[in-house]
Amino acid sequence: MAMKKTDLEKNKALKLNNAMKQAGAGRPGKGAAAEPKIHRREQRKLDQAQGLVPFACKLNNELVEELKTRAAAHPDGMNGLLDEVIRRGLAG
């Protein structure tokens, strides 16, 4: 019995998917050089030990984009940048 064209295409797609999974493609952070990921519970404990508290707010989209741009160059990332900016703003 001959296979339909759609069945052939599905089989090709499945083979490609399996090959990509085995090669690790499309799975960021899953390579041999990947650092172990800290679980959320462990990260919360580390944050609490440093006296950090989650704080959510709503900001203008343009401001968020500016913060993301500056945070990329900041040594402590977004958290460090926001800490620095807010402390400076409150101080003066």
N, C-alpha and C. Protein backbone atom coordinates (compact mmCIF):
# COMPACT_ATOMS: atom_id res chain seq x y z
N MET A 1 0.84 -1.18 0.00
CA MET A 1 0.00 0.00 0.00
C MET A 1 0.88 1.24 0.00
N ALA A 2 0.61 2.17 -0.88
CA ALA A 2 1.40 3.39 -1.01
C ALA A 2 0.99 4.40 0.06
N MET A 3 1.98 5.14 0.56
CA MET A 3 1.70 6.15 1.57
C MET A 3 1.26 7.44 0.90
N LYS A 4 0.41 8.15 1.58
CA LYS A 4 -0.03 9.45 1.08
C LYS A 4 1.10 10.45 1.23
N LYS A 5 1.05 11.50 0.42
CA LYS A 5 2.09 12.53 0.48
C LYS A 5 2.12 13.18 1.87
N THR A 6 0.96 13.41 2.47
CA THR A 6 0.93 14.04 3.79
C THR A 6 1.58 13.15 4.85
N ASP A 7 1.39 11.83 4.73
CA ASP A 7 2.02 10.89 5.67
C ASP A 7 3.53 10.92 5.52
N LEU A 8 4.01 11.02 4.29
CA LEU A 8 5.45 11.10 4.05
C LEU A 8 6.03 12.36 4.68
N GLU A 9 5.32 13.48 4.52
CA GLU A 9 5.78 14.75 5.08
C GLU A 9 5.79 14.70 6.61
N LYS A 10 4.78 14.08 7.20
CA LYS A 10 4.73 13.93 8.66
C LYS A 10 5.92 13.11 9.15
N ASN A 11 6.23 12.03 8.43
CA ASN A 11 7.37 11.19 8.81
C ASN A 11 8.68 11.96 8.72
N LYS A 12 8.82 12.77 7.67
CA LYS A 12 10.03 13.60 7.53
C LYS A 12 10.15 14.56 8.71
N ALA A 13 9.03 15.18 9.08
CA ALA A 13 9.03 16.13 10.18
C ALA A 13 9.39 15.44 11.49
N LEU A 14 8.86 14.26 11.72
CA LEU A 14 9.17 13.51 12.95
C LEU A 14 10.65 13.14 13.01
N LYS A 15 11.20 12.70 11.87
CA LYS A 15 12.62 12.37 11.83
C LYS A 15 13.47 13.58 12.12
N LEU A 16 13.10 14.71 11.54
CA LEU A 16 13.85 15.95 11.76
C LEU A 16 13.78 16.37 13.23
N ASN A 17 12.58 16.30 13.80
CA ASN A 17 12.41 16.65 15.22
C ASN A 17 13.27 15.77 16.12
N ASN A 18 13.25 14.47 15.87
CA ASN A 18 14.04 13.55 16.68
C ASN A 18 15.53 13.82 16.53
N ALA A 19 15.97 14.12 15.31
CA ALA A 19 17.39 14.41 15.09
C ALA A 19 17.80 15.68 15.84
N MET A 20 16.92 16.68 15.84
CA MET A 20 17.22 17.93 16.55
C MET A 20 17.26 17.71 18.06
N LYS A 21 16.36 16.89 18.58
CA LYS A 21 16.35 16.61 20.01
C LYS A 21 17.63 15.90 20.45
N GLN A 22 18.06 14.95 19.64
CA GLN A 22 19.27 14.20 19.98
C GLN A 22 20.51 15.07 19.89
N ALA A 23 20.50 16.04 18.97
CA ALA A 23 21.66 16.93 18.80
C ALA A 23 21.63 18.06 19.82
N GLY A 24 20.50 18.24 20.49
CA GLY A 24 20.39 19.30 21.48
C GLY A 24 20.02 20.63 20.85
N ALA A 25 19.70 20.67 19.58
CA ALA A 25 19.34 21.92 18.91
C ALA A 25 18.00 22.41 19.40
N GLY A 26 17.87 23.72 19.52
CA GLY A 26 16.61 24.30 19.94
C GLY A 26 16.35 24.19 21.42
N ARG A 27 17.38 23.81 22.18
CA ARG A 27 17.21 23.65 23.63
C ARG A 27 18.30 24.43 24.34
N PRO A 28 18.13 25.74 24.46
CA PRO A 28 19.17 26.54 25.08
C PRO A 28 19.43 26.10 26.52
N GLY A 29 20.70 26.12 26.89
CA GLY A 29 21.07 25.77 28.25
C GLY A 29 21.16 24.29 28.51
N LYS A 30 21.02 23.46 27.49
CA LYS A 30 21.06 22.02 27.70
C LYS A 30 22.35 21.39 27.20
N GLY A 31 23.34 22.21 26.84
CA GLY A 31 24.60 21.67 26.35
C GLY A 31 25.50 21.22 27.47
N ALA A 32 26.66 20.71 27.13
CA ALA A 32 27.61 20.20 28.12
C ALA A 32 28.17 21.34 28.98
N ALA A 33 28.25 22.54 28.41
CA ALA A 33 28.84 23.66 29.13
C ALA A 33 27.81 24.44 29.94
N ALA A 34 26.58 23.98 29.99
CA ALA A 34 25.53 24.69 30.70
C ALA A 34 25.77 24.65 32.20
N GLU A 35 25.51 25.79 32.85
CA GLU A 35 25.67 25.87 34.30
C GLU A 35 24.44 25.23 34.95
N PRO A 36 24.61 24.67 36.14
CA PRO A 36 23.44 24.11 36.81
C PRO A 36 22.46 25.23 37.17
N LYS A 37 21.19 24.99 36.94
CA LYS A 37 20.18 26.00 37.18
C LYS A 37 19.73 25.93 38.63
N ILE A 38 19.63 27.09 39.26
CA ILE A 38 19.15 27.15 40.64
C ILE A 38 17.63 27.11 40.62
N HIS A 39 17.06 26.26 41.45
CA HIS A 39 15.61 26.15 41.50
C HIS A 39 15.02 27.39 42.17
N ARG A 40 13.77 27.66 41.87
CA ARG A 40 13.11 28.86 42.40
C ARG A 40 13.16 28.93 43.92
N ARG A 41 12.92 27.81 44.58
CA ARG A 41 12.90 27.79 46.04
C ARG A 41 14.28 28.17 46.60
N GLU A 42 15.33 27.61 46.00
CA GLU A 42 16.69 27.94 46.44
C GLU A 42 17.00 29.41 46.18
N GLN A 43 16.57 29.91 45.01
CA GLN A 43 16.81 31.32 44.68
C GLN A 43 16.08 32.23 45.66
N ARG A 44 14.85 31.87 46.05
CA ARG A 44 14.10 32.66 47.02
C ARG A 44 14.84 32.73 48.35
N LYS A 45 15.40 31.59 48.78
CA LYS A 45 16.15 31.56 50.05
C LYS A 45 17.38 32.45 49.97
N LEU A 46 18.08 32.39 48.84
CA LEU A 46 19.26 33.24 48.66
C LEU A 46 18.87 34.72 48.67
N ASP A 47 17.77 35.05 47.99
CA ASP A 47 17.30 36.44 47.96
C ASP A 47 16.91 36.92 49.36
N GLN A 48 16.20 36.07 50.10
CA GLN A 48 15.78 36.45 51.45
C GLN A 48 16.99 36.67 52.35
N ALA A 49 18.02 35.86 52.20
CA ALA A 49 19.22 36.01 53.01
C ALA A 49 19.91 37.35 52.73
N GLN A 50 19.74 37.87 51.51
CA GLN A 50 20.32 39.16 51.15
C GLN A 50 19.39 40.32 51.47
N GLY A 51 18.21 40.00 52.01
CA GLY A 51 17.24 41.03 52.35
C GLY A 51 16.46 41.53 51.13
N LEU A 52 16.42 40.74 50.07
CA LEU A 52 15.72 41.14 48.85
C LEU A 52 14.26 40.71 48.91
N VAL A 53 13.39 41.58 48.41
CA VAL A 53 11.96 41.33 48.40
C VAL A 53 11.44 41.60 47.00
N PRO A 54 10.62 40.71 46.43
CA PRO A 54 10.05 40.99 45.11
C PRO A 54 9.14 42.21 45.16
N PHE A 55 9.23 43.05 44.13
CA PHE A 55 8.43 44.28 44.09
C PHE A 55 8.01 44.52 42.65
N ALA A 56 6.73 44.40 42.37
CA ALA A 56 6.23 44.57 41.01
C ALA A 56 5.57 45.93 40.85
N CYS A 57 5.72 46.50 39.67
CA CYS A 57 5.03 47.75 39.36
C CYS A 57 4.83 47.82 37.85
N LYS A 58 4.03 48.75 37.41
CA LYS A 58 3.77 48.92 35.98
C LYS A 58 4.50 50.17 35.52
N LEU A 59 5.23 50.03 34.41
CA LEU A 59 6.01 51.12 33.86
C LEU A 59 5.67 51.32 32.39
N ASN A 60 5.91 52.52 31.92
CA ASN A 60 5.72 52.86 30.52
C ASN A 60 6.65 52.01 29.66
N ASN A 61 6.18 51.55 28.51
CA ASN A 61 6.94 50.68 27.62
C ASN A 61 8.29 51.30 27.21
N GLU A 62 8.29 52.60 26.91
CA GLU A 62 9.53 53.26 26.50
C GLU A 62 10.56 53.23 27.63
N LEU A 63 10.10 53.44 28.86
CA LEU A 63 10.98 53.39 30.02
C LEU A 63 11.55 51.99 30.21
N VAL A 64 10.72 50.99 30.03
CA VAL A 64 11.17 49.59 30.17
C VAL A 64 12.24 49.27 29.14
N GLU A 65 12.05 49.71 27.91
CA GLU A 65 13.05 49.47 26.87
C GLU A 65 14.37 50.15 27.20
N GLU A 66 14.30 51.38 27.72
CA GLU A 66 15.51 52.10 28.12
C GLU A 66 16.22 51.37 29.26
N LEU A 67 15.44 50.88 30.23
CA LEU A 67 16.02 50.13 31.35
C LEU A 67 16.69 48.84 30.86
N LYS A 68 16.05 48.14 29.94
CA LYS A 68 16.62 46.90 29.40
C LYS A 68 17.94 47.19 28.70
N THR A 69 17.99 48.28 27.94
CA THR A 69 19.21 48.65 27.22
C THR A 69 20.34 48.94 28.20
N ARG A 70 20.04 49.72 29.21
CA ARG A 70 21.08 50.07 30.20
C ARG A 70 21.47 48.87 31.07
N ALA A 71 20.50 48.02 31.38
CA ALA A 71 20.76 46.85 32.22
C ALA A 71 21.71 45.88 31.52
N ALA A 72 21.66 45.83 30.20
CA ALA A 72 22.53 44.92 29.45
C ALA A 72 24.00 45.27 29.68
N ALA A 73 24.29 46.55 29.91
CA ALA A 73 25.66 46.99 30.12
C ALA A 73 26.02 47.09 31.61
N HIS A 74 25.05 46.97 32.48
CA HIS A 74 25.30 47.11 33.92
C HIS A 74 25.87 45.80 34.46
N PRO A 75 26.91 45.88 35.32
CA PRO A 75 27.53 44.64 35.83
C PRO A 75 26.58 43.77 36.66
N ASP A 76 25.59 44.36 37.31
CA ASP A 76 24.66 43.59 38.14
C ASP A 76 23.32 43.39 37.47
N GLY A 77 23.21 43.67 36.19
CA GLY A 77 21.97 43.45 35.45
C GLY A 77 20.86 44.39 35.86
N MET A 78 19.64 43.95 35.59
CA MET A 78 18.46 44.79 35.84
C MET A 78 18.28 45.10 37.32
N ASN A 79 18.46 44.11 38.20
CA ASN A 79 18.28 44.35 39.64
C ASN A 79 19.28 45.38 40.15
N GLY A 80 20.52 45.25 39.74
CA GLY A 80 21.54 46.20 40.18
C GLY A 80 21.29 47.60 39.65
N LEU A 81 20.88 47.69 38.39
CA LEU A 81 20.59 48.99 37.79
C LEU A 81 19.44 49.68 38.51
N LEU A 82 18.35 48.94 38.74
CA LEU A 82 17.20 49.54 39.40
C LEU A 82 17.53 49.96 40.83
N ASP A 83 18.30 49.15 41.53
CA ASP A 83 18.71 49.51 42.89
C ASP A 83 19.48 50.83 42.87
N GLU A 84 20.42 50.93 41.95
CA GLU A 84 21.26 52.13 41.84
C GLU A 84 20.43 53.37 41.48
N VAL A 85 19.56 53.24 40.48
CA VAL A 85 18.75 54.38 40.01
C VAL A 85 17.79 54.84 41.10
N ILE A 86 17.12 53.90 41.76
CA ILE A 86 16.14 54.27 42.79
C ILE A 86 16.85 54.92 43.98
N ARG A 87 18.00 54.36 44.41
CA ARG A 87 18.73 54.97 45.53
C ARG A 87 19.18 56.39 45.20
N ARG A 88 19.68 56.59 43.98
CA ARG A 88 20.10 57.93 43.56
C ARG A 88 18.92 58.88 43.54
N GLY A 89 17.77 58.40 43.02
CA GLY A 89 16.59 59.25 42.96
C GLY A 89 16.05 59.62 44.33
N LEU A 90 16.07 58.67 45.25
CA LEU A 90 15.58 58.95 46.61
C LEU A 90 16.52 59.84 47.40
N ALA A 91 17.82 59.76 47.08
CA ALA A 91 18.80 60.55 47.82
C ALA A 91 18.78 62.02 47.42
N GLY A 92 18.41 62.30 46.21
CA GLY A 92 18.54 63.70 45.83
C GLY A 92 17.50 64.16 44.92
